[in-house]
Amino acid sequence: MKKISKLVALALSVVVTGSLLVGCGKTSPTEGKASKETKQEEKSGTEVAIILKTLSNPFWVSMKEGIEREAKAKNIKVDVFAAASEEDVQEQLKLLENLTNKNYKAIGVAPLSPVNLIPAIAQANKKGIYVVNIDEKVDMKELKSAGGSVVSFITTDNVKVGEKGAKFITDKLGAAGGDVAIIEGKAGNASGEARKAGAKKAFESTKGIKLVASQPADWDRSKALDVATNMLQRYPNIKAFYCANDTMALGVVQAVENAGKKDKIVVVGTDGAPEAIQSVKDGKLGATVAQDPAQIGVASLNELLKAIKDKPEMSPDKEPTVLSVDSNLIAK
């Protein structure tokens, strides 16, 4: 019995040892598949990031959705970030600074101001990261002084946006003309200033139209309500308002209704936000000049991918490529 036991023990030892050797020398099918997937993930890691202004505004939500649809269609990954609000210039700067320390090859930015992201853009360039400028144009003179650059600038022609909104008003008022006012965005904001300039140009070049007031409301609905209320008290003959965004336009609509002048004053907004379009359908807002934020997002993503592929020169002396996405007037 002892001899048989020894033989059995020896046989078992050989089987176990053989199994261990097979385990060391050959990966199981499951392990091999997992290893392959991990390597593939590492190889196709996210190379592109985009920082928007905020996601508390439908305009930027629409842009994010356009970016993600395009990324899905191209079967690539893209990380989209945004500041908590359009006031958080420091938070947005920190966000870009953090992203420059990751493995992104190209980053798109929609700055909250022309200068708030300049230090981080210059830092990104030093690390070989391409930057694409979206919507709000970076102060190119300051960027050059900081040693930074952007490969392209994607936006809507905001001067034409303002002109288009003001032209709707002048056509609506006709030969009778009348007093008009502009509700501006945030003072110094490039896109807002461009829209104001376009509207002002259209008003001042039209016979019978008198621009009596132009004042910022900081893109805010409640501020626009207050500003428009004060304007109506000071200039009771105002016949129309052009507003640099839809959020403010809806505040102005409320001010007009509060003044009992619902059908007597034309209000035009900008952006084509869902609530504004509904207000147009309801006969409250006269019109909105709709940008195409989703298409701006698509164009921005494609420019980032193009930069990674073509590897253009990254120099403060090189002017960025400018791509303009058209706007559309939406009226009842």
C-alpha atoms as a PDB file:
ATOM      1  CA  MET A   1       0.000   0.000   0.000  1.00  0.00           C
ATOM      2  CA  LYS A   2       2.839   2.348   0.817  1.00  0.00           C
ATOM      3  CA  LYS A   3       4.414   1.755  -2.598  1.00  0.00           C
ATOM      4  CA  ILE A   4       1.108   2.424  -4.382  1.00  0.00           C
ATOM      5  CA  SER A   5       0.635   5.637  -2.370  1.00  0.00           C
ATOM      6  CA  LYS A   6       4.085   6.832  -3.318  1.00  0.00           C
ATOM      7  CA  LEU A   7       3.417   6.155  -6.994  1.00  0.00           C
ATOM      8  CA  VAL A   8       0.078   8.046  -6.863  1.00  0.00           C
ATOM      9  CA  ALA A   9       1.726  10.979  -5.102  1.00  0.00           C
ATOM     10  CA  LEU A  10       4.479  11.093  -7.702  1.00  0.00           C
ATOM     11  CA  ALA A  11       1.955  11.050 -10.557  1.00  0.00           C
ATOM     12  CA  LEU A  12      -0.040  13.881  -9.007  1.00  0.00           C
ATOM     13  CA  SER A  13       3.150  15.897  -8.559  1.00  0.00           C
ATOM     14  CA  VAL A  14       3.986  15.529 -12.258  1.00  0.00           C
ATOM     15  CA  VAL A  15       0.463  16.642 -13.314  1.00  0.00           C
ATOM     16  CA  VAL A  16       0.487  19.713 -11.055  1.00  0.00           C
ATOM     17  CA  THR A  17       4.001  20.721 -12.140  1.00  0.00           C
ATOM     18  CA  GLY A  18       3.031  20.345 -15.800  1.00  0.00           C
ATOM     19  CA  SER A  19      -0.028  22.534 -15.283  1.00  0.00           C
ATOM     20  CA  LEU A  20       2.064  25.232 -13.644  1.00  0.00           C
ATOM     21  CA  LEU A  21       4.554  25.175 -16.486  1.00  0.00           C
ATOM     22  CA  VAL A  22       1.767  25.527 -19.043  1.00  0.00           C
ATOM     23  CA  GLY A  23       0.354  28.440 -17.028  1.00  0.00           C
ATOM     24  CA  CYS A  24       3.699  30.236 -17.022  1.00  0.00           C
ATOM     25  CA  GLY A  25       4.541  29.621 -20.647  1.00  0.00           C
ATOM     26  CA  LYS A  26       1.137  30.353 -22.290  1.00  0.00           C
ATOM     27  CA  THR A  27      -1.542  33.025 -21.674  1.00  0.00           C
ATOM     28  CA  SER A  28      -5.111  31.817 -21.485  1.00  0.00           C
ATOM     29  CA  PRO A  29      -7.499  33.057 -24.234  1.00  0.00           C
ATOM     30  CA  THR A  30      -9.342  35.301 -21.743  1.00  0.00           C
ATOM     31  CA  GLU A  31      -6.133  36.895 -20.439  1.00  0.00           C
ATOM     32  CA  GLY A  32      -4.834  37.466 -23.957  1.00  0.00           C
ATOM     33  CA  LYS A  33      -8.056  39.226 -24.986  1.00  0.00           C
ATOM     34  CA  ALA A  34      -8.020  41.503 -21.932  1.00  0.00           C
ATOM     35  CA  SER A  35      -4.380  42.427 -22.526  1.00  0.00           C
ATOM     36  CA  LYS A  36      -5.096  43.229 -26.181  1.00  0.00           C
ATOM     37  CA  GLU A  37      -8.082  45.440 -25.277  1.00  0.00           C
ATOM     38  CA  THR A  38      -6.032  47.346 -22.684  1.00  0.00           C
ATOM     39  CA  LYS A  39      -3.268  48.045 -25.202  1.00  0.00           C
ATOM     40  CA  GLN A  40      -5.858  49.170 -27.765  1.00  0.00           C
ATOM     41  CA  GLU A  41      -7.403  51.540 -25.217  1.00  0.00           C
ATOM     42  CA  GLU A  42      -3.987  53.007 -24.424  1.00  0.00           C
ATOM     43  CA  LYS A  43      -3.276  53.454 -28.114  1.00  0.00           C
ATOM     44  CA  SER A  44      -6.617  55.168 -28.860  1.00  0.00           C
ATOM     45  CA  GLY A  45      -6.637  57.373 -25.754  1.00  0.00           C
ATOM     46  CA  THR A  46      -8.389  60.738 -25.875  1.00  0.00           C
ATOM     47  CA  GLU A  47      -6.184  63.252 -27.696  1.00  0.00           C
ATOM     48  CA  VAL A  48      -8.673  66.123 -27.946  1.00  0.00           C
ATOM     49  CA  ALA A  49     -10.372  68.251 -25.288  1.00  0.00           C
ATOM     50  CA  ILE A  50     -12.687  71.249 -25.652  1.00  0.00           C
ATOM     51  CA  ILE A  51     -13.496  73.877 -23.016  1.00  0.00           C
ATOM     52  CA  LEU A  52     -16.778  75.740 -23.515  1.00  0.00           C
ATOM     53  CA  LYS A  53     -17.949  78.823 -21.642  1.00  0.00           C
ATOM     54  CA  THR A  54     -20.708  77.139 -19.604  1.00  0.00           C
ATOM     55  CA  LEU A  55     -23.403  74.485 -19.901  1.00  0.00           C
ATOM     56  CA  SER A  56     -26.041  76.592 -18.129  1.00  0.00           C
ATOM     57  CA  ASN A  57     -26.939  78.197 -21.485  1.00  0.00           C
ATOM     58  CA  PRO A  58     -28.731  76.204 -24.270  1.00  0.00           C
ATOM     59  CA  PHE A  59     -26.319  77.658 -26.847  1.00  0.00           C
ATOM     60  CA  TRP A  60     -23.351  75.849 -25.284  1.00  0.00           C
ATOM     61  CA  VAL A  61     -25.350  72.679 -24.631  1.00  0.00           C
ATOM     62  CA  SER A  62     -26.165  72.581 -28.348  1.00  0.00           C
ATOM     63  CA  MET A  63     -22.487  73.079 -29.195  1.00  0.00           C
ATOM     64  CA  LYS A  64     -21.492  70.220 -26.874  1.00  0.00           C
ATOM     65  CA  GLU A  65     -24.069  67.943 -28.517  1.00  0.00           C
ATOM     66  CA  GLY A  66     -22.770  68.852 -31.981  1.00  0.00           C
ATOM     67  CA  ILE A  67     -19.193  68.052 -30.918  1.00  0.00           C
ATOM     68  CA  GLU A  68     -20.191  64.703 -29.431  1.00  0.00           C
ATOM     69  CA  ARG A  69     -22.251  63.685 -32.479  1.00  0.00           C
ATOM     70  CA  GLU A  70     -19.322  64.452 -34.782  1.00  0.00           C
ATOM     71  CA  ALA A  71     -16.916  62.546 -32.520  1.00  0.00           C
ATOM     72  CA  LYS A  72     -19.249  59.533 -32.527  1.00  0.00           C
ATOM     73  CA  ALA A  73     -19.560  59.672 -36.321  1.00  0.00           C
ATOM     74  CA  LYS A  74     -15.770  59.703 -36.589  1.00  0.00           C
ATOM     75  CA  ASN A  75     -15.426  56.976 -33.943  1.00  0.00           C
ATOM     76  CA  ILE A  76     -13.090  59.066 -31.801  1.00  0.00           C
ATOM     77  CA  LYS A  77     -13.049  60.276 -28.207  1.00  0.00           C
ATOM     78  CA  VAL A  78     -13.318  63.904 -27.138  1.00  0.00           C
ATOM     79  CA  ASP A  79     -13.551  65.331 -23.620  1.00  0.00           C
ATOM     80  CA  VAL A  80     -15.784  68.393 -23.226  1.00  0.00           C
ATOM     81  CA  PHE A  81     -15.517  70.697 -20.202  1.00  0.00           C
ATOM     82  CA  ALA A  82     -17.077  74.017 -19.183  1.00  0.00           C
ATOM     83  CA  ALA A  83     -16.991  76.615 -16.436  1.00  0.00           C
ATOM     84  CA  ALA A  84     -19.882  76.701 -13.956  1.00  0.00           C
ATOM     85  CA  SER A  85     -20.987  80.122 -15.216  1.00  0.00           C
ATOM     86  CA  GLU A  86     -19.914  82.903 -17.557  1.00  0.00           C
ATOM     87  CA  GLU A  87     -18.507  84.786 -14.566  1.00  0.00           C
ATOM     88  CA  ASP A  88     -15.957  82.108 -13.573  1.00  0.00           C
ATOM     89  CA  VAL A  89     -12.946  83.368 -15.525  1.00  0.00           C
ATOM     90  CA  GLN A  90     -10.456  82.038 -12.955  1.00  0.00           C
ATOM     91  CA  GLU A  91     -12.104  78.615 -12.853  1.00  0.00           C
ATOM     92  CA  GLN A  92     -11.886  78.365 -16.631  1.00  0.00           C
ATOM     93  CA  LEU A  93      -8.204  79.328 -16.514  1.00  0.00           C
ATOM     94  CA  LYS A  94      -7.477  76.629 -13.902  1.00  0.00           C
ATOM     95  CA  LEU A  95      -9.372  74.127 -16.023  1.00  0.00           C
ATOM     96  CA  LEU A  96      -7.150  74.780 -19.040  1.00  0.00           C
ATOM     97  CA  GLU A  97      -4.010  74.760 -16.875  1.00  0.00           C
ATOM     98  CA  ASN A  98      -4.961  71.315 -15.567  1.00  0.00           C
ATOM     99  CA  LEU A  99      -5.626  69.980 -19.075  1.00  0.00           C
ATOM    100  CA  THR A 100      -2.190  71.074 -20.288  1.00  0.00           C
ATOM    101  CA  ASN A 101      -0.708  68.638 -17.765  1.00  0.00           C
ATOM    102  CA  LYS A 102      -2.525  65.691 -19.331  1.00  0.00           C
ATOM    103  CA  ASN A 103      -1.859  63.872 -22.602  1.00  0.00           C
ATOM    104  CA  TYR A 104      -3.992  65.958 -24.959  1.00  0.00           C
ATOM    105  CA  LYS A 105      -2.481  66.883 -28.315  1.00  0.00           C
ATOM    106  CA  ALA A 106      -4.998  69.615 -29.134  1.00  0.00           C
ATOM    107  CA  ILE A 107      -7.441  71.676 -27.061  1.00  0.00           C
ATOM    108  CA  GLY A 108     -10.302  73.896 -28.191  1.00  0.00           C
ATOM    109  CA  VAL A 109     -11.196  76.903 -26.018  1.00  0.00           C
ATOM    110  CA  ALA A 110     -14.164  79.298 -25.912  1.00  0.00           C
ATOM    111  CA  PRO A 111     -12.732  81.970 -23.564  1.00  0.00           C
ATOM    112  CA  LEU A 112     -14.931  83.827 -21.105  1.00  0.00           C
ATOM    113  CA  SER A 113     -12.960  86.970 -21.913  1.00  0.00           C
ATOM    114  CA  PRO A 114     -10.391  87.928 -24.573  1.00  0.00           C
ATOM    115  CA  VAL A 115      -7.536  87.626 -22.048  1.00  0.00           C
ATOM    116  CA  ASN A 116      -8.428  85.176 -19.251  1.00  0.00           C
ATOM    117  CA  LEU A 117      -6.920  82.069 -20.927  1.00  0.00           C
ATOM    118  CA  ILE A 118      -3.814  83.659 -22.446  1.00  0.00           C
ATOM    119  CA  PRO A 119      -1.281  82.375 -19.826  1.00  0.00           C
ATOM    120  CA  ALA A 120      -2.571  78.801 -20.146  1.00  0.00           C
ATOM    121  CA  ILE A 121      -2.647  78.921 -23.963  1.00  0.00           C
ATOM    122  CA  ALA A 122       1.013  79.975 -23.974  1.00  0.00           C
ATOM    123  CA  GLN A 123       1.759  77.168 -21.501  1.00  0.00           C
ATOM    124  CA  ALA A 124      -0.040  74.650 -23.730  1.00  0.00           C
ATOM    125  CA  ASN A 125       1.986  75.749 -26.763  1.00  0.00           C
ATOM    126  CA  LYS A 126       5.245  75.263 -24.865  1.00  0.00           C
ATOM    127  CA  LYS A 127       4.194  71.657 -24.293  1.00  0.00           C
ATOM    128  CA  GLY A 128       3.445  71.186 -27.989  1.00  0.00           C
ATOM    129  CA  ILE A 129      -0.348  71.321 -27.629  1.00  0.00           C
ATOM    130  CA  TYR A 130      -2.297  72.920 -30.472  1.00  0.00           C
ATOM    131  CA  VAL A 131      -5.055  75.348 -29.460  1.00  0.00           C
ATOM    132  CA  VAL A 132      -8.167  76.257 -31.455  1.00  0.00           C
ATOM    133  CA  ASN A 133     -10.073  79.427 -30.496  1.00  0.00           C
ATOM    134  CA  ILE A 134     -13.894  79.127 -30.452  1.00  0.00           C
ATOM    135  CA  ASP A 135     -16.563  81.873 -30.479  1.00  0.00           C
ATOM    136  CA  GLU A 136     -14.938  84.548 -28.272  1.00  0.00           C
ATOM    137  CA  LYS A 137     -11.742  85.762 -29.918  1.00  0.00           C
ATOM    138  CA  VAL A 138      -8.588  85.832 -27.839  1.00  0.00           C
ATOM    139  CA  ASP A 139      -6.782  89.184 -27.726  1.00  0.00           C
ATOM    140  CA  MET A 140      -4.196  88.316 -30.372  1.00  0.00           C
ATOM    141  CA  LYS A 141      -1.831  91.148 -29.443  1.00  0.00           C
ATOM    142  CA  GLU A 142      -1.709  90.026 -25.803  1.00  0.00           C
ATOM    143  CA  LEU A 143      -1.392  86.378 -26.838  1.00  0.00           C
ATOM    144  CA  LYS A 144       1.559  87.183 -29.068  1.00  0.00           C
ATOM    145  CA  SER A 145       3.238  89.110 -26.229  1.00  0.00           C
ATOM    146  CA  ALA A 146       2.836  86.034 -24.014  1.00  0.00           C
ATOM    147  CA  GLY A 147       4.452  83.851 -26.682  1.00  0.00           C
ATOM    148  CA  GLY A 148       1.286  81.916 -27.423  1.00  0.00           C
ATOM    149  CA  SER A 149      -0.685  81.116 -30.577  1.00  0.00           C
ATOM    150  CA  VAL A 150      -3.894  79.536 -31.843  1.00  0.00           C
ATOM    151  CA  VAL A 151      -4.039  77.616 -35.111  1.00  0.00           C
ATOM    152  CA  SER A 152      -7.570  78.713 -36.025  1.00  0.00           C
ATOM    153  CA  PHE A 153     -10.551  80.796 -34.929  1.00  0.00           C
ATOM    154  CA  ILE A 154     -14.105  79.476 -35.421  1.00  0.00           C
ATOM    155  CA  THR A 155     -17.091  81.740 -34.878  1.00  0.00           C
ATOM    156  CA  THR A 156     -20.135  83.402 -36.376  1.00  0.00           C
ATOM    157  CA  ASP A 157     -19.631  86.809 -37.986  1.00  0.00           C
ATOM    158  CA  ASN A 158     -21.173  88.711 -35.089  1.00  0.00           C
ATOM    159  CA  VAL A 159     -21.192  92.066 -36.876  1.00  0.00           C
ATOM    160  CA  LYS A 160     -23.459  90.509 -39.517  1.00  0.00           C
ATOM    161  CA  VAL A 161     -25.561  88.935 -36.749  1.00  0.00           C
ATOM    162  CA  GLY A 162     -26.229  92.381 -35.269  1.00  0.00           C
ATOM    163  CA  GLU A 163     -26.916  93.840 -38.703  1.00  0.00           C
ATOM    164  CA  LYS A 164     -29.363  91.058 -39.490  1.00  0.00           C
ATOM    165  CA  GLY A 165     -31.318  91.593 -36.264  1.00  0.00           C
ATOM    166  CA  ALA A 166     -31.424  95.375 -36.711  1.00  0.00           C
ATOM    167  CA  LYS A 167     -32.447  95.021 -40.376  1.00  0.00           C
ATOM    168  CA  PHE A 168     -35.467  92.963 -39.320  1.00  0.00           C
ATOM    169  CA  ILE A 169     -36.460  95.816 -36.993  1.00  0.00           C
ATOM    170  CA  THR A 170     -36.024  98.574 -39.594  1.00  0.00           C
ATOM    171  CA  ASP A 171     -38.037  96.574 -42.129  1.00  0.00           C
ATOM    172  CA  LYS A 172     -40.754  95.990 -39.522  1.00  0.00           C
ATOM    173  CA  LEU A 173     -40.977  99.691 -38.585  1.00  0.00           C
ATOM    174  CA  GLY A 174     -40.993 100.689 -42.240  1.00  0.00           C
ATOM    175  CA  ALA A 175     -41.148 104.279 -43.471  1.00  0.00           C
ATOM    176  CA  ALA A 176     -42.596 105.487 -40.168  1.00  0.00           C
ATOM    177  CA  GLY A 177     -39.306 104.652 -38.416  1.00  0.00           C
ATOM    178  CA  GLY A 178     -39.017 105.529 -34.728  1.00  0.00           C
ATOM    179  CA  ASP A 179     -36.827 105.339 -31.622  1.00  0.00           C
ATOM    180  CA  VAL A 180     -34.859 102.119 -31.052  1.00  0.00           C
ATOM    181  CA  ALA A 181     -32.510 100.790 -28.372  1.00  0.00           C
ATOM    182  CA  ILE A 182     -29.797  98.154 -28.013  1.00  0.00           C
ATOM    183  CA  ILE A 183     -29.374  95.825 -25.031  1.00  0.00           C
ATOM    184  CA  GLU A 184     -25.681  94.913 -25.089  1.00  0.00           C
ATOM    185  CA  GLY A 185     -23.934  91.887 -23.592  1.00  0.00           C
ATOM    186  CA  LYS A 186     -21.057  92.249 -21.147  1.00  0.00           C
ATOM    187  CA  ALA A 187     -18.943  95.370 -21.658  1.00  0.00           C
ATOM    188  CA  GLY A 188     -15.694  94.483 -23.443  1.00  0.00           C
ATOM    189  CA  ASN A 189     -16.923  91.057 -24.588  1.00  0.00           C
ATOM    190  CA  ALA A 190     -15.819  90.694 -28.218  1.00  0.00           C
ATOM    191  CA  SER A 191     -18.869  88.909 -29.619  1.00  0.00           C
ATOM    192  CA  GLY A 192     -21.260  91.261 -27.814  1.00  0.00           C
ATOM    193  CA  GLU A 193     -19.366  94.341 -28.967  1.00  0.00           C
ATOM    194  CA  ALA A 194     -19.431  93.059 -32.558  1.00  0.00           C
ATOM    195  CA  ARG A 195     -23.199  92.481 -32.447  1.00  0.00           C
ATOM    196  CA  LYS A 196     -23.731  95.960 -31.004  1.00  0.00           C
ATOM    197  CA  ALA A 197     -21.541  97.462 -33.741  1.00  0.00           C
ATOM    198  CA  GLY A 198     -23.491  95.641 -36.462  1.00  0.00           C
ATOM    199  CA  ALA A 199     -26.872  96.705 -35.072  1.00  0.00           C
ATOM    200  CA  LYS A 200     -25.723 100.284 -34.536  1.00  0.00           C
ATOM    201  CA  LYS A 201     -24.450 100.487 -38.106  1.00  0.00           C
ATOM    202  CA  ALA A 202     -27.769  99.214 -39.494  1.00  0.00           C
ATOM    203  CA  PHE A 203     -29.826 101.595 -37.343  1.00  0.00           C
ATOM    204  CA  GLU A 204     -27.733 104.676 -38.044  1.00  0.00           C
ATOM    205  CA  SER A 205     -27.733 104.054 -41.794  1.00  0.00           C
ATOM    206  CA  THR A 206     -31.542 103.821 -41.972  1.00  0.00           C
ATOM    207  CA  LYS A 207     -33.559 106.983 -42.541  1.00  0.00           C
ATOM    208  CA  GLY A 208     -36.169 107.665 -39.873  1.00  0.00           C
ATOM    209  CA  ILE A 209     -34.534 105.440 -37.247  1.00  0.00           C
ATOM    210  CA  LYS A 210     -33.112 107.053 -34.108  1.00  0.00           C
ATOM    211  CA  LEU A 211     -30.911 105.041 -31.715  1.00  0.00           C
ATOM    212  CA  VAL A 212     -31.773 106.585 -28.342  1.00  0.00           C
ATOM    213  CA  ALA A 213     -30.056 104.156 -25.950  1.00  0.00           C
ATOM    214  CA  SER A 214     -27.480 101.354 -25.857  1.00  0.00           C
ATOM    215  CA  GLN A 215     -26.590  99.736 -22.548  1.00  0.00           C
ATOM    216  CA  PRO A 216     -25.112  96.412 -21.319  1.00  0.00           C
ATOM    217  CA  ALA A 217     -27.124  93.891 -19.312  1.00  0.00           C
ATOM    218  CA  ASP A 218     -24.288  91.342 -18.910  1.00  0.00           C
ATOM    219  CA  TRP A 219     -26.107  88.536 -20.792  1.00  0.00           C
ATOM    220  CA  ASP A 220     -28.494  88.319 -17.812  1.00  0.00           C
ATOM    221  CA  ARG A 221     -32.299  88.082 -18.032  1.00  0.00           C
ATOM    222  CA  SER A 222     -33.152  89.938 -14.824  1.00  0.00           C
ATOM    223  CA  LYS A 223     -30.627  92.697 -15.564  1.00  0.00           C
ATOM    224  CA  ALA A 224     -32.088  93.098 -19.036  1.00  0.00           C
ATOM    225  CA  LEU A 225     -35.554  93.407 -17.486  1.00  0.00           C
ATOM    226  CA  ASP A 226     -34.306  96.227 -15.242  1.00  0.00           C
ATOM    227  CA  VAL A 227     -32.338  97.994 -18.006  1.00  0.00           C
ATOM    228  CA  ALA A 228     -35.252  97.858 -20.461  1.00  0.00           C
ATOM    229  CA  THR A 229     -37.704  99.047 -17.774  1.00  0.00           C
ATOM    230  CA  ASN A 230     -35.517 102.096 -17.103  1.00  0.00           C
ATOM    231  CA  MET A 231     -35.125 102.788 -20.824  1.00  0.00           C
ATOM    232  CA  LEU A 232     -38.889 102.676 -21.362  1.00  0.00           C
ATOM    233  CA  GLN A 233     -39.404 105.146 -18.553  1.00  0.00           C
ATOM    234  CA  ARG A 234     -36.759 107.514 -19.921  1.00  0.00           C
ATOM    235  CA  TYR A 235     -37.644 107.049 -23.598  1.00  0.00           C
ATOM    236  CA  PRO A 236     -41.381 106.239 -23.720  1.00  0.00           C
ATOM    237  CA  ASN A 237     -41.448 106.367 -27.542  1.00  0.00           C
ATOM    238  CA  ILE A 238     -39.112 103.394 -28.061  1.00  0.00           C
ATOM    239  CA  LYS A 239     -40.501 101.222 -30.853  1.00  0.00           C
ATOM    240  CA  ALA A 240     -37.967  98.379 -30.834  1.00  0.00           C
ATOM    241  CA  PHE A 241     -35.106  96.680 -28.973  1.00  0.00           C
ATOM    242  CA  TYR A 242     -32.234  94.681 -30.440  1.00  0.00           C
ATOM    243  CA  CYS A 243     -30.733  92.348 -27.804  1.00  0.00           C
ATOM    244  CA  ALA A 244     -27.286  90.745 -28.081  1.00  0.00           C
ATOM    245  CA  ASN A 245     -28.586  87.386 -26.821  1.00  0.00           C
ATOM    246  CA  ASP A 246     -31.907  85.605 -26.293  1.00  0.00           C
ATOM    247  CA  THR A 247     -31.637  85.422 -22.513  1.00  0.00           C
ATOM    248  CA  MET A 248     -31.686  89.214 -22.327  1.00  0.00           C
ATOM    249  CA  ALA A 249     -34.342  89.459 -25.053  1.00  0.00           C
ATOM    250  CA  LEU A 250     -36.739  87.403 -22.936  1.00  0.00           C
ATOM    251  CA  GLY A 251     -36.151  89.800 -20.043  1.00  0.00           C
ATOM    252  CA  VAL A 252     -36.927  92.728 -22.351  1.00  0.00           C
ATOM    253  CA  VAL A 253     -40.138  91.010 -23.514  1.00  0.00           C
ATOM    254  CA  GLN A 254     -41.192  90.889 -19.864  1.00  0.00           C
ATOM    255  CA  ALA A 255     -40.381  94.596 -19.419  1.00  0.00           C
ATOM    256  CA  VAL A 256     -42.458  95.444 -22.495  1.00  0.00           C
ATOM    257  CA  GLU A 257     -45.391  93.403 -21.184  1.00  0.00           C
ATOM    258  CA  ASN A 258     -45.093  95.038 -17.758  1.00  0.00           C
ATOM    259  CA  ALA A 259     -45.277  98.439 -19.451  1.00  0.00           C
ATOM    260  CA  GLY A 260     -48.482  97.409 -21.234  1.00  0.00           C
ATOM    261  CA  LYS A 261     -46.867  97.711 -24.680  1.00  0.00           C
ATOM    262  CA  LYS A 262     -46.865  94.076 -25.800  1.00  0.00           C
ATOM    263  CA  ASP A 263     -48.064  94.697 -29.374  1.00  0.00           C
ATOM    264  CA  LYS A 264     -46.435  98.102 -29.754  1.00  0.00           C
ATOM    265  CA  ILE A 265     -42.724  97.284 -29.402  1.00  0.00           C
ATOM    266  CA  VAL A 266     -40.628  94.892 -31.517  1.00  0.00           C
ATOM    267  CA  VAL A 267     -38.029  92.846 -29.597  1.00  0.00           C
ATOM    268  CA  VAL A 268     -35.321  90.882 -31.436  1.00  0.00           C
ATOM    269  CA  GLY A 269     -32.893  88.486 -29.742  1.00  0.00           C
ATOM    270  CA  THR A 270     -29.830  86.517 -30.772  1.00  0.00           C
ATOM    271  CA  ASP A 271     -28.786  82.824 -30.593  1.00  0.00           C
ATOM    272  CA  GLY A 272     -31.926  80.873 -31.518  1.00  0.00           C
ATOM    273  CA  ALA A 273     -32.366  79.407 -28.020  1.00  0.00           C
ATOM    274  CA  PRO A 274     -35.333  76.987 -27.678  1.00  0.00           C
ATOM    275  CA  GLU A 275     -37.250  79.270 -25.290  1.00  0.00           C
ATOM    276  CA  ALA A 276     -36.712  82.223 -27.632  1.00  0.00           C
ATOM    277  CA  ILE A 277     -37.969  80.264 -30.641  1.00  0.00           C
ATOM    278  CA  GLN A 278     -41.071  79.301 -28.652  1.00  0.00           C
ATOM    279  CA  SER A 279     -41.541  82.981 -27.736  1.00  0.00           C
ATOM    280  CA  VAL A 280     -41.403  83.840 -31.455  1.00  0.00           C
ATOM    281  CA  LYS A 281     -44.083  81.203 -32.140  1.00  0.00           C
ATOM    282  CA  ASP A 282     -46.203  82.653 -29.330  1.00  0.00           C
ATOM    283  CA  GLY A 283     -45.989  86.102 -30.892  1.00  0.00           C
ATOM    284  CA  LYS A 284     -44.041  87.685 -28.021  1.00  0.00           C
ATOM    285  CA  LEU A 285     -40.474  87.881 -29.355  1.00  0.00           C
ATOM    286  CA  GLY A 286     -40.376  89.400 -32.836  1.00  0.00           C
ATOM    287  CA  ALA A 287     -37.413  87.351 -34.054  1.00  0.00           C
ATOM    288  CA  THR A 288     -34.098  85.791 -33.071  1.00  0.00           C
ATOM    289  CA  VAL A 289     -30.922  85.650 -35.115  1.00  0.00           C
ATOM    290  CA  ALA A 290     -29.944  82.018 -34.709  1.00  0.00           C
ATOM    291  CA  GLN A 291     -26.323  81.042 -34.718  1.00  0.00           C
ATOM    292  CA  ASP A 292     -25.560  77.383 -35.392  1.00  0.00           C
ATOM    293  CA  PRO A 293     -23.672  76.354 -32.236  1.00  0.00           C
ATOM    294  CA  ALA A 294     -23.728  72.664 -33.148  1.00  0.00           C
ATOM    295  CA  GLN A 295     -22.020  73.394 -36.468  1.00  0.00           C
ATOM    296  CA  ILE A 296     -19.511  75.697 -34.751  1.00  0.00           C
ATOM    297  CA  GLY A 297     -18.703  72.743 -32.484  1.00  0.00           C
ATOM    298  CA  VAL A 298     -18.314  70.388 -35.456  1.00  0.00           C
ATOM    299  CA  ALA A 299     -15.993  72.831 -37.246  1.00  0.00           C
ATOM    300  CA  SER A 300     -13.937  73.286 -34.061  1.00  0.00           C
ATOM    301  CA  LEU A 301     -13.466  69.551 -33.543  1.00  0.00           C
ATOM    302  CA  ASN A 302     -12.445  69.081 -37.177  1.00  0.00           C
ATOM    303  CA  GLU A 303      -9.877  71.883 -36.886  1.00  0.00           C
ATOM    304  CA  LEU A 304      -8.370  70.209 -33.798  1.00  0.00           C
ATOM    305  CA  LEU A 305      -8.098  66.876 -35.610  1.00  0.00           C
ATOM    306  CA  LYS A 306      -6.621  68.608 -38.656  1.00  0.00           C
ATOM    307  CA  ALA A 307      -3.952  70.259 -36.501  1.00  0.00           C
ATOM    308  CA  ILE A 308      -2.954  66.901 -34.981  1.00  0.00           C
ATOM    309  CA  LYS A 309      -2.716  65.369 -38.456  1.00  0.00           C
ATOM    310  CA  ASP A 310      -1.019  68.217 -40.372  1.00  0.00           C
ATOM    311  CA  LYS A 311       1.181  69.515 -37.520  1.00  0.00           C
ATOM    312  CA  PRO A 312       1.175  73.196 -38.619  1.00  0.00           C
ATOM    313  CA  GLU A 313       3.777  75.642 -37.384  1.00  0.00           C
ATOM    314  CA  MET A 314       3.093  76.817 -33.830  1.00  0.00           C
ATOM    315  CA  SER A 315       4.289  80.409 -33.813  1.00  0.00           C
ATOM    316  CA  PRO A 316       3.072  83.670 -32.198  1.00  0.00           C
ATOM    317  CA  ASP A 317       3.786  85.401 -35.517  1.00  0.00           C
ATOM    318  CA  LYS A 318       1.454  83.170 -37.518  1.00  0.00           C
ATOM    319  CA  GLU A 319      -2.104  84.427 -38.048  1.00  0.00           C
ATOM    320  CA  PRO A 320      -4.827  81.859 -37.268  1.00  0.00           C
ATOM    321  CA  THR A 321      -7.137  80.514 -39.961  1.00  0.00           C
ATOM    322  CA  VAL A 322     -10.588  82.094 -39.573  1.00  0.00           C
ATOM    323  CA  LEU A 323     -13.704  79.978 -40.205  1.00  0.00           C
ATOM    324  CA  SER A 324     -17.120  81.672 -40.089  1.00  0.00           C
ATOM    325  CA  VAL A 325     -20.383  79.751 -39.612  1.00  0.00           C
ATOM    326  CA  ASP A 326     -23.451  81.584 -40.952  1.00  0.00           C
ATOM    327  CA  SER A 327     -26.505  82.676 -38.919  1.00  0.00           C
ATOM    328  CA  ASN A 328     -30.239  82.485 -39.724  1.00  0.00           C
ATOM    329  CA  LEU A 329     -33.105  84.816 -38.844  1.00  0.00           C
ATOM    330  CA  ILE A 330     -36.064  83.063 -37.224  1.00  0.00           C
ATOM    331  CA  ALA A 331     -39.346  84.983 -37.287  1.00  0.00           C
ATOM    332  CA  LYS A 332     -42.992  83.973 -37.096  1.00  0.00           C
END
